[in-house]
Amino acid sequence: MTQIPVTASRAEEPAPETPDLSEGWGEQRGRLRKELRRFDVLLFLICTLVGLDTIGSVAAQGPQGLTWMAVLALLFFLPYGLLVAELGSAFPVQGGPYVWTRLAFGRLTAGLNQILYWISNPVWVGGSLCIIALTTWEEFFTPLPGLWKYAAGLVFIWGGALAVVQSVRVGKWVPIAGAVARIVLLGFFLVSVVVFAVRNGVHALPVSEFSPTYAGFVALVPVLIFNYVGFELPSSAAEEMRNPRRDIPLSILRSGIASLLLYGGPILGIMFVLPSERIGSLGGFIDACKAVFTVYGGSIATDGTVTLTGAGAVFGGIAAAGLIVGLLTSGVTWAMGAHRGQAVACADGAGPAWLGTISEKHGTPVRVNLLSAALASILLVAALNLTEGDGEKYFAAGLGLTICTTFISYVITFPSLLVLRRKYPDTPRPYAVPGGRLGVWTVTALATGLVAFTVVVLIWPGFGVGWFGTEGSSADSLPEAFAGQRLAYTLSQVVPLLIIAVVGLLFYAAGAKTRRTKS
């Protein structure tokens, strides 16, 4: 393994040993542009962590969702942040998670792992993000009958693709805009909840409903942990950052605190405004926005139907546009990281070499970006046909698969911390997990164990419910849109995972020529 020079930080610390990439990667690396400053990385992470598509899913589980949110902040969010802060600052190399797993476990494992991580983005964009954007548009603006729904979905997907292909100097404004949209939208929603509460009162939340249950944990752990992931994404663009060794740990700390505040407040607000039986996974946040904006103009009928008028309709339209922008920027920001990692993997021989090309004009992996948009488009069309336009079913299957693919990749990535501590003990670590070997083992075990458990309950919802005296039925843990259809739901997860595994092997086979030139 040879030494590849990496642009050092201002302190000129020696670069760690990195994989010997393809012969053409030196030229590709020269096309990268160091445009990301610390503040850019902070807003990038806020846009990444605060996903607007899962707020309704957490609120739908009632007050115990907040309890489990606090528990997982300690047992997962904190260990995960510590783990990534060390890896990102010790190995600030383009490709981030791919490079960490490549160094730890070899090219084949890292390549298959990267496929899972990368492909989760088009699944997410063409799945839950797109369906919530379409639902929001129909709720606040106009229906999308027939082919119009397909057309609007494709505009959403390819609008995001256009943003992803831009140079980092231009593209970084997308997550900046996304972070600002989140702060403004969620902040205005919370202010409106206070006004609504003063005028109309709120729904009582009995203390007993905050008591955690195992059934609630199984239902909530996928979306709660999914809300907490994304710290590693800036590391995929490490060589486009001005000072990754310093900025990654600081940005992780600050964005982590901000995301907790931006999640907890709106979830509590939804539960105050809407009766528990009216909070849905897909439309919870949308319905809550409509309800609270009646304070500016509008009414709520006895059956719960909301009509916005005057200023209420204006604010509702602005909030809807902000939500759609927030959803789009979530997909774009994750794509900016995941796609760069996939390009590095392909340049390293874990995929087709032509996908490892960095555009000389834009300094981004344009080919990977366009392929991802094409996959998201195919998924959108296929899913709308298979679910016969059932938005709830489409949302549940798409979100489950997104989380599943992402978390399977984490099961491999997180243990890299242990291996790299042993294999590269002398690599400079501007930030290191405290507690020595015990600290490293603890954060790795907690982070890896929880994502592994989440994969199990995603494939088999209700796993363990009713065992050893626990209350409830495992059938009740199925997504509402798949009630009584366990086989259909399980197949919606397992079949795509098997296809993705085959794609990963085909990608690796396609990289054989690149690997031969490196041997």
Protein backbone atom coordinates (compact mmCIF):
# COMPACT_ATOMS: atom_id res chain seq x y z
CA MET A 1 0.00 0.00 0.00
CA THR A 2 1.49 3.33 -1.03
CA GLN A 3 1.25 6.71 0.56
CA ILE A 4 -1.06 9.19 -1.18
CA PRO A 5 -0.57 12.84 -0.28
CA VAL A 6 -3.61 14.51 1.23
CA THR A 7 -3.84 18.25 1.57
CA ALA A 8 -2.96 18.88 5.21
CA SER A 9 -4.62 21.22 7.68
CA ARG A 10 -3.10 24.53 8.72
CA ALA A 11 -1.10 22.69 11.36
CA GLU A 12 0.45 20.62 8.54
CA GLU A 13 -0.14 17.34 10.35
CA PRO A 14 1.12 14.27 8.49
CA ALA A 15 -1.57 12.50 6.49
CA PRO A 16 -2.59 8.97 7.41
CA GLU A 17 -1.90 6.06 5.12
CA THR A 18 -4.71 5.71 2.59
CA PRO A 19 -5.67 3.15 -0.05
CA ASP A 20 -3.77 3.16 -3.31
CA LEU A 21 -6.45 4.47 -5.66
CA SER A 22 -6.50 4.03 -9.40
CA GLU A 23 -3.77 5.63 -11.48
CA GLY A 24 -6.22 8.22 -12.74
CA TRP A 25 -7.26 9.32 -9.26
CA GLY A 26 -4.38 11.76 -8.97
CA GLU A 27 -5.90 13.69 -11.86
CA GLN A 28 -9.39 13.30 -10.37
CA ARG A 29 -8.19 14.58 -6.99
CA GLY A 30 -6.77 17.64 -8.69
CA ARG A 31 -10.28 18.57 -9.81
CA LEU A 32 -11.61 18.84 -6.25
CA ARG A 33 -12.11 22.37 -4.91
CA LYS A 34 -11.57 23.26 -1.27
CA GLU A 35 -14.56 25.50 -0.69
CA LEU A 36 -16.19 24.17 2.52
CA ARG A 37 -15.61 26.26 5.63
CA ARG A 38 -16.58 25.39 9.22
CA PHE A 39 -19.89 27.27 9.06
CA ASP A 40 -20.73 25.54 5.76
CA VAL A 41 -20.10 22.15 7.38
CA LEU A 42 -22.28 23.06 10.38
CA LEU A 43 -25.26 23.99 8.18
CA PHE A 44 -24.56 20.94 6.00
CA LEU A 45 -24.96 18.74 9.08
CA ILE A 46 -28.10 20.51 10.31
CA CYS A 47 -29.66 19.98 6.89
CA THR A 48 -28.56 16.34 7.02
CA LEU A 49 -29.69 15.52 10.55
CA VAL A 50 -33.03 17.33 10.69
CA GLY A 51 -35.15 15.26 8.34
CA LEU A 52 -38.69 16.56 7.94
CA ASP A 53 -40.04 13.27 6.58
CA THR A 54 -39.95 11.41 9.91
CA ILE A 55 -41.38 13.99 12.33
CA GLY A 56 -44.91 12.68 11.80
CA SER A 57 -43.78 9.07 12.29
CA VAL A 58 -42.38 9.87 15.75
CA ALA A 59 -45.36 11.99 16.80
CA ALA A 60 -47.75 9.20 15.72
CA GLN A 61 -46.38 7.00 18.52
CA GLY A 62 -47.48 9.46 21.21
CA PRO A 63 -45.59 11.00 24.15
CA GLN A 64 -43.39 7.96 24.71
CA GLY A 65 -41.71 8.97 21.45
CA LEU A 66 -40.11 11.88 23.30
CA THR A 67 -39.01 9.56 26.09
CA TRP A 68 -37.31 7.16 23.69
CA MET A 69 -35.86 10.13 21.81
CA ALA A 70 -34.09 11.24 25.00
CA VAL A 71 -32.90 7.70 25.79
CA LEU A 72 -31.48 7.16 22.31
CA ALA A 73 -29.80 10.56 22.39
CA LEU A 74 -27.65 9.17 25.19
CA LEU A 75 -27.31 5.56 24.03
CA PHE A 76 -26.88 6.16 20.30
CA PHE A 77 -26.56 9.81 19.22
CA LEU A 78 -23.72 10.62 21.63
CA PRO A 79 -21.64 7.44 20.99
CA TYR A 80 -22.19 7.75 17.25
CA GLY A 81 -21.05 11.38 17.25
CA LEU A 82 -17.91 10.52 19.24
CA LEU A 83 -17.11 7.64 16.87
CA VAL A 84 -17.44 9.69 13.68
CA ALA A 85 -15.58 12.66 15.17
CA GLU A 86 -12.51 10.48 15.65
CA LEU A 87 -12.67 8.74 12.28
CA GLY A 88 -13.41 11.95 10.38
CA SER A 89 -10.59 13.96 11.96
CA ALA A 90 -8.02 11.14 11.94
CA PHE A 91 -8.69 10.06 8.32
CA PRO A 92 -9.78 13.22 6.47
CA VAL A 93 -9.73 11.65 3.03
CA GLN A 94 -12.21 12.04 0.17
CA GLY A 95 -14.69 9.18 0.35
CA GLY A 96 -14.93 9.16 4.14
CA PRO A 97 -16.79 5.98 5.22
CA TYR A 98 -15.62 4.05 2.16
CA VAL A 99 -11.98 4.80 2.99
CA TRP A 100 -12.46 3.86 6.67
CA THR A 101 -13.95 0.47 5.82
CA ARG A 102 -11.43 -0.03 3.00
CA LEU A 103 -8.55 0.46 5.43
CA ALA A 104 -10.19 -1.73 8.05
CA PHE A 105 -11.70 -4.62 6.08
CA GLY A 106 -10.46 -4.48 2.50
CA ARG A 107 -11.81 -3.39 -0.86
CA LEU A 108 -14.50 -6.06 -1.42
CA THR A 109 -16.21 -5.49 1.94
CA ALA A 110 -15.90 -1.72 1.59
CA GLY A 111 -17.22 -1.78 -1.97
CA LEU A 112 -20.33 -3.81 -1.10
CA ASN A 113 -20.86 -1.65 1.95
CA GLN A 114 -20.61 1.53 -0.11
CA ILE A 115 -23.21 0.27 -2.58
CA LEU A 116 -25.71 -0.09 0.28
CA TYR A 117 -24.86 3.38 1.57
CA TRP A 118 -25.03 5.02 -1.83
CA ILE A 119 -28.17 3.33 -3.12
CA SER A 120 -30.13 4.31 -0.02
CA ASN A 121 -30.14 7.87 -1.41
CA PRO A 122 -32.08 7.24 -4.65
CA VAL A 123 -34.40 4.92 -2.67
CA TRP A 124 -35.04 7.75 -0.20
CA VAL A 125 -35.40 10.51 -2.78
CA GLY A 126 -37.68 8.47 -5.05
CA GLY A 127 -39.51 7.05 -2.02
CA SER A 128 -40.49 8.80 1.21
CA LEU A 129 -39.11 12.25 0.34
CA CYS A 130 -40.93 12.36 -2.97
CA ILE A 131 -44.24 11.07 -1.62
CA ILE A 132 -44.30 13.61 1.24
CA ALA A 133 -43.47 16.41 -1.20
CA LEU A 134 -46.33 15.31 -3.48
CA THR A 135 -48.72 14.95 -0.54
CA THR A 136 -47.81 18.43 0.73
CA TRP A 137 -48.37 19.93 -2.70
CA GLU A 138 -51.81 18.33 -2.96
CA GLU A 139 -52.76 19.38 0.59
CA PHE A 140 -51.88 23.05 0.14
CA PHE A 141 -52.00 23.78 -3.58
CA THR A 142 -53.72 21.57 -6.14
CA PRO A 143 -54.47 17.86 -6.77
CA LEU A 144 -52.11 15.85 -8.97
CA PRO A 145 -54.30 13.37 -10.85
CA GLY A 146 -52.99 10.66 -13.14
CA LEU A 147 -49.80 11.48 -14.99
CA TRP A 148 -49.42 14.81 -13.19
CA LYS A 149 -48.26 12.95 -10.06
CA TYR A 150 -45.53 11.21 -12.06
CA ALA A 151 -44.51 14.49 -13.71
CA ALA A 152 -44.33 16.34 -10.38
CA GLY A 153 -42.30 13.53 -8.83
CA LEU A 154 -39.81 13.58 -11.70
CA VAL A 155 -39.45 17.36 -11.41
CA PHE A 156 -38.66 16.91 -7.71
CA ILE A 157 -36.05 14.22 -8.41
CA TRP A 158 -34.30 15.91 -11.32
CA GLY A 159 -34.42 19.32 -9.69
CA GLY A 160 -32.39 17.79 -6.88
CA ALA A 161 -30.05 16.13 -9.37
CA LEU A 162 -29.37 19.49 -11.02
CA ALA A 163 -28.32 20.88 -7.64
CA VAL A 164 -26.08 17.92 -6.81
CA VAL A 165 -24.03 18.15 -10.00
CA GLN A 166 -23.02 21.76 -9.38
CA SER A 167 -19.57 22.71 -8.14
CA VAL A 168 -19.11 22.76 -4.37
CA ARG A 169 -18.95 26.56 -4.44
CA VAL A 170 -22.50 26.60 -5.85
CA GLY A 171 -23.78 23.34 -4.43
CA LYS A 172 -22.97 24.20 -0.80
CA TRP A 173 -25.73 26.82 -0.89
CA VAL A 174 -28.31 24.04 -1.15
CA PRO A 175 -27.69 22.63 2.36
CA ILE A 176 -27.29 26.20 3.64
CA ALA A 177 -30.72 27.05 2.22
CA GLY A 178 -32.07 23.78 3.59
CA ALA A 179 -30.79 24.50 7.10
CA VAL A 180 -32.25 28.02 7.05
CA ALA A 181 -35.58 26.67 5.74
CA ARG A 182 -35.71 24.17 8.61
CA ILE A 183 -34.93 26.73 11.28
CA VAL A 184 -37.49 29.22 9.90
CA LEU A 185 -40.22 26.64 9.22
CA LEU A 186 -39.92 24.78 12.52
CA GLY A 187 -39.45 28.02 14.46
CA PHE A 188 -42.56 29.58 12.91
CA PHE A 189 -44.50 26.37 13.54
CA LEU A 190 -43.59 26.47 17.24
CA VAL A 191 -44.58 30.14 17.54
CA SER A 192 -47.90 29.32 15.86
CA VAL A 193 -48.44 26.42 18.27
CA VAL A 194 -48.07 28.85 21.19
CA VAL A 195 -50.60 31.24 19.61
CA PHE A 196 -52.96 28.33 18.90
CA ALA A 197 -52.65 27.10 22.50
CA VAL A 198 -53.47 30.53 23.92
CA ARG A 199 -56.60 30.82 21.78
CA ASN A 200 -57.86 27.22 21.65
CA GLY A 201 -56.09 25.28 24.36
CA VAL A 202 -54.15 22.09 23.71
CA HIS A 203 -54.67 18.34 24.07
CA ALA A 204 -53.60 17.06 27.46
CA LEU A 205 -50.64 14.70 27.52
CA PRO A 206 -51.00 12.48 30.61
CA VAL A 207 -47.72 11.70 32.36
CA SER A 208 -48.50 7.98 32.10
CA GLU A 209 -48.27 8.21 28.28
CA PHE A 210 -44.60 9.18 28.53
CA SER A 211 -43.82 5.79 30.11
CA PRO A 212 -41.65 3.78 27.71
CA THR A 213 -42.74 0.34 26.50
CA TYR A 214 -40.90 -2.30 24.52
CA ALA A 215 -43.59 -2.26 21.81
CA GLY A 216 -43.14 1.50 21.52
CA PHE A 217 -39.38 1.10 21.33
CA VAL A 218 -39.62 -1.44 18.51
CA ALA A 219 -41.95 0.86 16.58
CA LEU A 220 -39.86 3.98 17.16
CA VAL A 221 -36.24 2.86 17.06
CA PRO A 222 -35.95 2.89 13.22
CA VAL A 223 -37.19 6.45 12.71
CA LEU A 224 -35.57 7.85 15.86
CA ILE A 225 -32.13 6.54 14.99
CA PHE A 226 -32.63 7.54 11.36
CA ASN A 227 -33.30 11.06 12.65
CA TYR A 228 -29.93 10.93 14.39
CA VAL A 229 -27.66 9.81 11.54
CA GLY A 230 -25.64 11.75 8.98
CA PHE A 231 -22.56 12.87 10.93
CA GLU A 232 -20.26 11.04 8.53
CA LEU A 233 -21.49 12.74 5.33
CA PRO A 234 -19.15 15.77 5.35
CA SER A 235 -16.22 13.34 5.64
CA SER A 236 -17.08 12.06 2.15
CA ALA A 237 -16.08 15.52 0.92
CA ALA A 238 -13.13 15.87 3.33
CA GLU A 239 -10.70 17.04 0.65
CA GLU A 240 -13.12 19.81 -0.32
CA MET A 241 -13.03 21.21 3.25
CA ARG A 242 -10.62 23.93 4.31
CA ASN A 243 -9.66 22.25 7.59
CA PRO A 244 -11.41 18.89 8.14
CA ARG A 245 -9.30 17.84 11.15
CA ARG A 246 -10.52 20.83 13.12
CA ASP A 247 -13.96 21.47 11.63
CA ILE A 248 -15.47 17.96 11.66
CA PRO A 249 -15.47 17.41 15.46
CA LEU A 250 -16.67 20.96 16.22
CA SER A 251 -19.45 20.79 13.63
CA ILE A 252 -20.63 17.42 14.95
CA LEU A 253 -20.97 18.83 18.48
CA ARG A 254 -22.86 21.97 17.45
CA SER A 255 -25.14 20.35 14.89
CA GLY A 256 -26.01 17.56 17.35
CA ILE A 257 -27.30 20.05 19.91
CA ALA A 258 -29.20 22.02 17.26
CA SER A 259 -30.89 18.91 15.84
CA LEU A 260 -32.17 17.80 19.25
CA LEU A 261 -33.88 21.17 19.70
CA LEU A 262 -35.25 21.27 16.15
CA TYR A 263 -36.76 17.78 16.49
CA GLY A 264 -38.14 17.79 20.01
CA GLY A 265 -40.11 21.04 19.82
CA PRO A 266 -42.15 20.28 16.66
CA ILE A 267 -42.91 16.70 17.75
CA LEU A 268 -44.29 17.98 21.06
CA GLY A 269 -46.20 20.69 19.18
CA ILE A 270 -47.90 18.14 16.92
CA MET A 271 -49.06 16.13 19.93
CA PHE A 272 -50.44 19.29 21.59
CA VAL A 273 -52.40 20.29 18.47
CA LEU A 274 -53.75 17.04 17.04
CA PRO A 275 -55.67 14.24 18.77
CA SER A 276 -53.53 11.09 18.86
CA GLU A 277 -55.92 9.21 16.55
CA ARG A 278 -55.44 11.85 13.84
CA ILE A 279 -51.63 11.81 13.79
CA GLY A 280 -50.42 9.81 10.79
CA SER A 281 -46.88 8.85 9.84
CA LEU A 282 -47.16 10.46 6.43
CA GLY A 283 -49.25 13.56 7.12
CA GLY A 284 -48.69 14.26 10.82
CA PHE A 285 -46.57 17.36 10.38
CA ILE A 286 -48.58 18.60 7.38
CA ASP A 287 -51.90 18.23 9.25
CA ALA A 288 -50.50 19.96 12.34
CA CYS A 289 -49.31 22.91 10.26
CA LYS A 290 -52.76 23.31 8.74
CA ALA A 291 -54.42 23.15 12.15
CA VAL A 292 -52.23 25.76 13.86
CA PHE A 293 -52.34 28.16 10.92
CA THR A 294 -56.09 28.54 11.42
CA VAL A 295 -55.15 31.14 14.05
CA TYR A 296 -54.24 33.43 11.16
CA GLY A 297 -57.40 32.62 9.20
CA GLY A 298 -59.49 29.49 8.85
CA SER A 299 -61.46 26.96 10.84
CA ILE A 300 -61.48 23.34 12.02
CA ALA A 301 -64.75 21.44 11.50
CA THR A 302 -66.10 18.98 14.06
CA ASP A 303 -64.87 16.06 11.93
CA GLY A 304 -61.34 17.51 11.94
CA THR A 305 -61.42 18.96 8.43
CA VAL A 306 -59.26 22.09 8.24
CA THR A 307 -60.02 25.05 6.00
CA LEU A 308 -57.48 27.86 5.70
CA THR A 309 -58.51 31.33 4.58
CA GLY A 310 -56.92 34.76 4.30
CA ALA A 311 -53.55 35.05 6.03
CA GLY A 312 -53.86 31.45 7.19
CA ALA A 313 -53.91 30.26 3.57
CA VAL A 314 -50.93 32.51 2.75
CA PHE A 315 -48.86 31.25 5.67
CA GLY A 316 -49.94 27.70 4.87
CA GLY A 317 -48.69 28.02 1.31
CA ILE A 318 -45.39 29.51 2.44
CA ALA A 319 -44.91 26.73 5.01
CA ALA A 320 -45.77 24.09 2.41
CA ALA A 321 -43.18 25.52 0.03
CA GLY A 322 -40.66 25.57 2.88
CA LEU A 323 -41.42 21.94 3.69
CA ILE A 324 -40.93 20.88 0.07
CA VAL A 325 -37.64 22.81 -0.06
CA GLY A 326 -36.61 21.14 3.20
CA LEU A 327 -37.36 17.69 1.80
CA LEU A 328 -35.51 18.40 -1.44
CA THR A 329 -32.44 19.73 0.34
CA SER A 330 -32.37 16.65 2.61
CA GLY A 331 -32.02 14.44 -0.44
CA VAL A 332 -29.48 16.75 -2.08
CA THR A 333 -27.30 17.01 1.02
CA TRP A 334 -27.17 13.23 1.55
CA ALA A 335 -26.46 12.81 -2.17
CA MET A 336 -23.51 15.21 -2.00
CA GLY A 337 -21.85 12.88 0.51
CA ALA A 338 -22.98 9.42 -0.59
CA HIS A 339 -22.27 10.03 -4.27
CA ARG A 340 -18.73 11.23 -3.59
CA GLY A 341 -18.06 8.09 -1.59
CA GLN A 342 -19.32 5.93 -4.45
CA ALA A 343 -17.11 7.76 -6.95
CA VAL A 344 -14.04 7.13 -4.79
CA ALA A 345 -15.00 3.45 -4.49
CA CYS A 346 -15.26 3.12 -8.26
CA ALA A 347 -11.93 4.90 -8.78
CA ASP A 348 -10.40 2.44 -6.30
CA GLY A 349 -11.59 -0.61 -8.26
CA ALA A 350 -14.73 -1.44 -6.26
CA GLY A 351 -16.95 -0.42 -9.17
CA PRO A 352 -16.93 0.64 -12.83
CA ALA A 353 -14.04 3.04 -13.46
CA TRP A 354 -16.19 5.40 -15.54
CA LEU A 355 -18.28 6.16 -12.44
CA GLY A 356 -15.15 7.24 -10.59
CA THR A 357 -14.65 10.28 -12.81
CA ILE A 358 -14.79 13.76 -11.34
CA SER A 359 -16.12 16.41 -13.71
CA GLU A 360 -13.39 18.85 -14.73
CA LYS A 361 -16.00 21.59 -15.08
CA HIS A 362 -17.91 21.06 -11.82
CA GLY A 363 -15.46 19.18 -9.61
CA THR A 364 -18.23 16.68 -8.70
CA PRO A 365 -19.00 13.03 -9.66
CA VAL A 366 -21.58 13.97 -12.29
CA ARG A 367 -21.97 10.42 -13.64
CA VAL A 368 -22.84 8.96 -10.23
CA ASN A 369 -25.24 11.87 -9.65
CA LEU A 370 -27.10 11.25 -12.90
CA LEU A 371 -27.24 7.49 -12.36
CA SER A 372 -28.75 8.05 -8.92
CA ALA A 373 -31.43 10.34 -10.32
CA ALA A 374 -32.29 7.74 -12.96
CA LEU A 375 -32.63 5.05 -10.27
CA ALA A 376 -34.83 7.32 -8.15
CA SER A 377 -37.04 7.98 -11.18
CA ILE A 378 -37.44 4.27 -11.90
CA LEU A 379 -38.29 3.62 -8.25
CA LEU A 380 -40.90 6.39 -8.24
CA VAL A 381 -42.70 5.06 -11.30
CA ALA A 382 -42.49 1.43 -10.17
CA ALA A 383 -43.64 2.16 -6.61
CA LEU A 384 -46.61 4.28 -7.69
CA ASN A 385 -47.74 1.42 -9.92
CA LEU A 386 -47.12 -1.39 -7.41
CA THR A 387 -48.93 0.45 -4.60
CA GLU A 388 -51.67 1.66 -6.96
CA GLY A 389 -51.09 5.20 -5.79
CA ASP A 390 -51.46 4.34 -2.09
CA GLY A 391 -49.26 7.05 -0.56
CA GLU A 392 -49.15 5.54 2.94
CA LYS A 393 -48.04 2.14 1.64
CA TYR A 394 -45.47 3.71 -0.69
CA PHE A 395 -44.16 5.86 2.17
CA ALA A 396 -43.87 2.97 4.65
CA ALA A 397 -42.07 0.63 2.24
CA GLY A 398 -39.76 3.35 0.90
CA LEU A 399 -38.76 4.71 4.29
CA GLY A 400 -38.22 1.22 5.69
CA LEU A 401 -35.93 0.26 2.82
CA THR A 402 -34.00 3.54 3.04
CA ILE A 403 -33.29 3.02 6.73
CA CYS A 404 -32.50 -0.67 6.23
CA THR A 405 -29.87 -0.13 3.52
CA THR A 406 -28.26 2.74 5.41
CA PHE A 407 -28.10 0.85 8.70
CA ILE A 408 -26.73 -2.37 7.23
CA SER A 409 -23.84 -0.27 5.92
CA TYR A 410 -23.33 1.19 9.40
CA VAL A 411 -23.01 -2.30 10.85
CA ILE A 412 -19.78 -2.55 8.84
CA THR A 413 -18.61 1.07 9.06
CA PHE A 414 -18.84 1.60 12.82
CA PRO A 415 -16.48 -1.25 13.84
CA SER A 416 -13.83 0.40 11.63
CA LEU A 417 -13.02 2.53 14.66
CA LEU A 418 -11.76 -0.48 16.62
CA VAL A 419 -9.76 -1.90 13.73
CA LEU A 420 -8.14 1.40 12.73
CA ARG A 421 -7.12 2.14 16.31
CA ARG A 422 -5.20 -1.15 16.21
CA LYS A 423 -3.87 -0.98 12.63
CA TYR A 424 -2.86 2.68 12.63
CA PRO A 425 -2.03 3.60 16.25
CA ASP A 426 0.40 6.33 15.21
CA THR A 427 -1.99 8.22 12.93
CA PRO A 428 -2.53 11.75 14.32
CA ARG A 429 -5.92 11.98 16.03
CA PRO A 430 -6.89 15.62 16.62
CA TYR A 431 -9.92 14.22 18.42
CA ALA A 432 -10.03 10.79 20.07
CA VAL A 433 -12.89 8.98 21.80
CA PRO A 434 -12.28 9.45 25.55
CA GLY A 435 -11.82 6.51 27.89
CA GLY A 436 -9.06 4.67 26.05
CA ARG A 437 -9.76 1.14 24.82
CA LEU A 438 -12.87 0.82 27.03
CA GLY A 439 -14.30 4.04 25.62
CA VAL A 440 -13.73 2.90 22.03
CA TRP A 441 -15.32 -0.50 22.69
CA THR A 442 -18.29 1.12 24.44
CA VAL A 443 -19.19 3.62 21.73
CA THR A 444 -18.66 1.02 18.99
CA ALA A 445 -20.80 -1.59 20.74
CA LEU A 446 -23.64 0.83 21.45
CA ALA A 447 -23.73 2.37 17.97
CA THR A 448 -23.29 -0.91 16.08
CA GLY A 449 -25.64 -2.90 18.32
CA LEU A 450 -28.50 -0.45 17.99
CA VAL A 451 -28.32 -0.14 14.20
CA ALA A 452 -28.09 -3.95 13.90
CA PHE A 453 -31.19 -4.34 16.09
CA THR A 454 -32.96 -1.72 13.97
CA VAL A 455 -32.32 -3.73 10.80
CA VAL A 456 -33.96 -6.75 12.44
CA VAL A 457 -37.11 -4.87 13.47
CA LEU A 458 -37.35 -3.24 10.05
CA ILE A 459 -37.38 -6.58 8.27
CA TRP A 460 -39.61 -8.17 10.93
CA PRO A 461 -41.66 -5.43 12.64
CA GLY A 462 -42.63 -6.30 16.19
CA PHE A 463 -39.60 -8.51 16.77
CA GLY A 464 -39.71 -9.61 20.41
CA VAL A 465 -43.11 -8.06 21.17
CA GLY A 466 -45.08 -10.48 23.37
CA TRP A 467 -41.93 -12.38 24.38
CA PHE A 468 -40.89 -12.86 27.99
CA GLY A 469 -44.03 -11.26 29.35
CA THR A 470 -43.92 -8.06 27.27
CA GLU A 471 -47.30 -6.66 26.29
CA GLY A 472 -48.71 -6.33 22.81
CA SER A 473 -48.86 -8.24 19.55
CA SER A 474 -46.12 -8.23 16.93
CA ALA A 475 -48.78 -7.80 14.24
CA ASP A 476 -49.62 -4.37 15.66
CA SER A 477 -46.08 -3.19 14.86
CA LEU A 478 -46.59 -3.51 11.12
CA PRO A 479 -46.97 -0.16 9.34
CA GLU A 480 -50.66 0.76 9.26
CA ALA A 481 -50.70 0.63 5.46
CA PHE A 482 -49.51 -3.02 5.65
CA ALA A 483 -51.89 -4.12 8.42
CA GLY A 484 -52.39 -7.89 8.12
CA GLN A 485 -49.88 -8.07 5.25
CA ARG A 486 -46.65 -9.15 6.93
CA LEU A 487 -45.44 -11.18 3.94
CA ALA A 488 -46.01 -8.27 1.55
CA TYR A 489 -44.13 -5.89 3.84
CA THR A 490 -41.22 -8.28 4.44
CA LEU A 491 -40.86 -8.88 0.71
CA SER A 492 -40.85 -5.11 0.13
CA GLN A 493 -37.65 -5.03 2.21
CA VAL A 494 -35.91 -8.35 1.54
CA VAL A 495 -36.28 -8.53 -2.26
CA PRO A 496 -34.72 -5.08 -2.90
CA LEU A 497 -31.91 -5.89 -0.44
CA LEU A 498 -31.07 -9.05 -2.38
CA ILE A 499 -31.11 -7.09 -5.66
CA ILE A 500 -28.80 -4.46 -4.15
CA ALA A 501 -26.39 -7.19 -3.01
CA VAL A 502 -26.26 -8.55 -6.56
CA VAL A 503 -25.66 -5.04 -7.91
CA GLY A 504 -22.78 -4.67 -5.47
CA LEU A 505 -21.15 -7.86 -6.72
CA LEU A 506 -21.61 -6.77 -10.34
CA PHE A 507 -20.05 -3.41 -9.54
CA TYR A 508 -17.08 -5.12 -7.93
CA ALA A 509 -16.66 -7.40 -10.94
CA ALA A 510 -16.75 -4.34 -13.21
CA GLY A 511 -13.82 -2.88 -11.29
CA ALA A 512 -11.52 -5.83 -12.06
CA LYS A 513 -9.56 -3.97 -14.72
CA THR A 514 -8.83 -1.10 -12.33
CA ARG A 515 -7.71 -3.53 -9.64
CA ARG A 516 -5.34 -5.27 -12.06
CA THR A 517 -3.62 -1.99 -12.90
CA LYS A 518 -3.01 -1.44 -9.18
CA SER A 519 -1.54 -4.86 -8.42
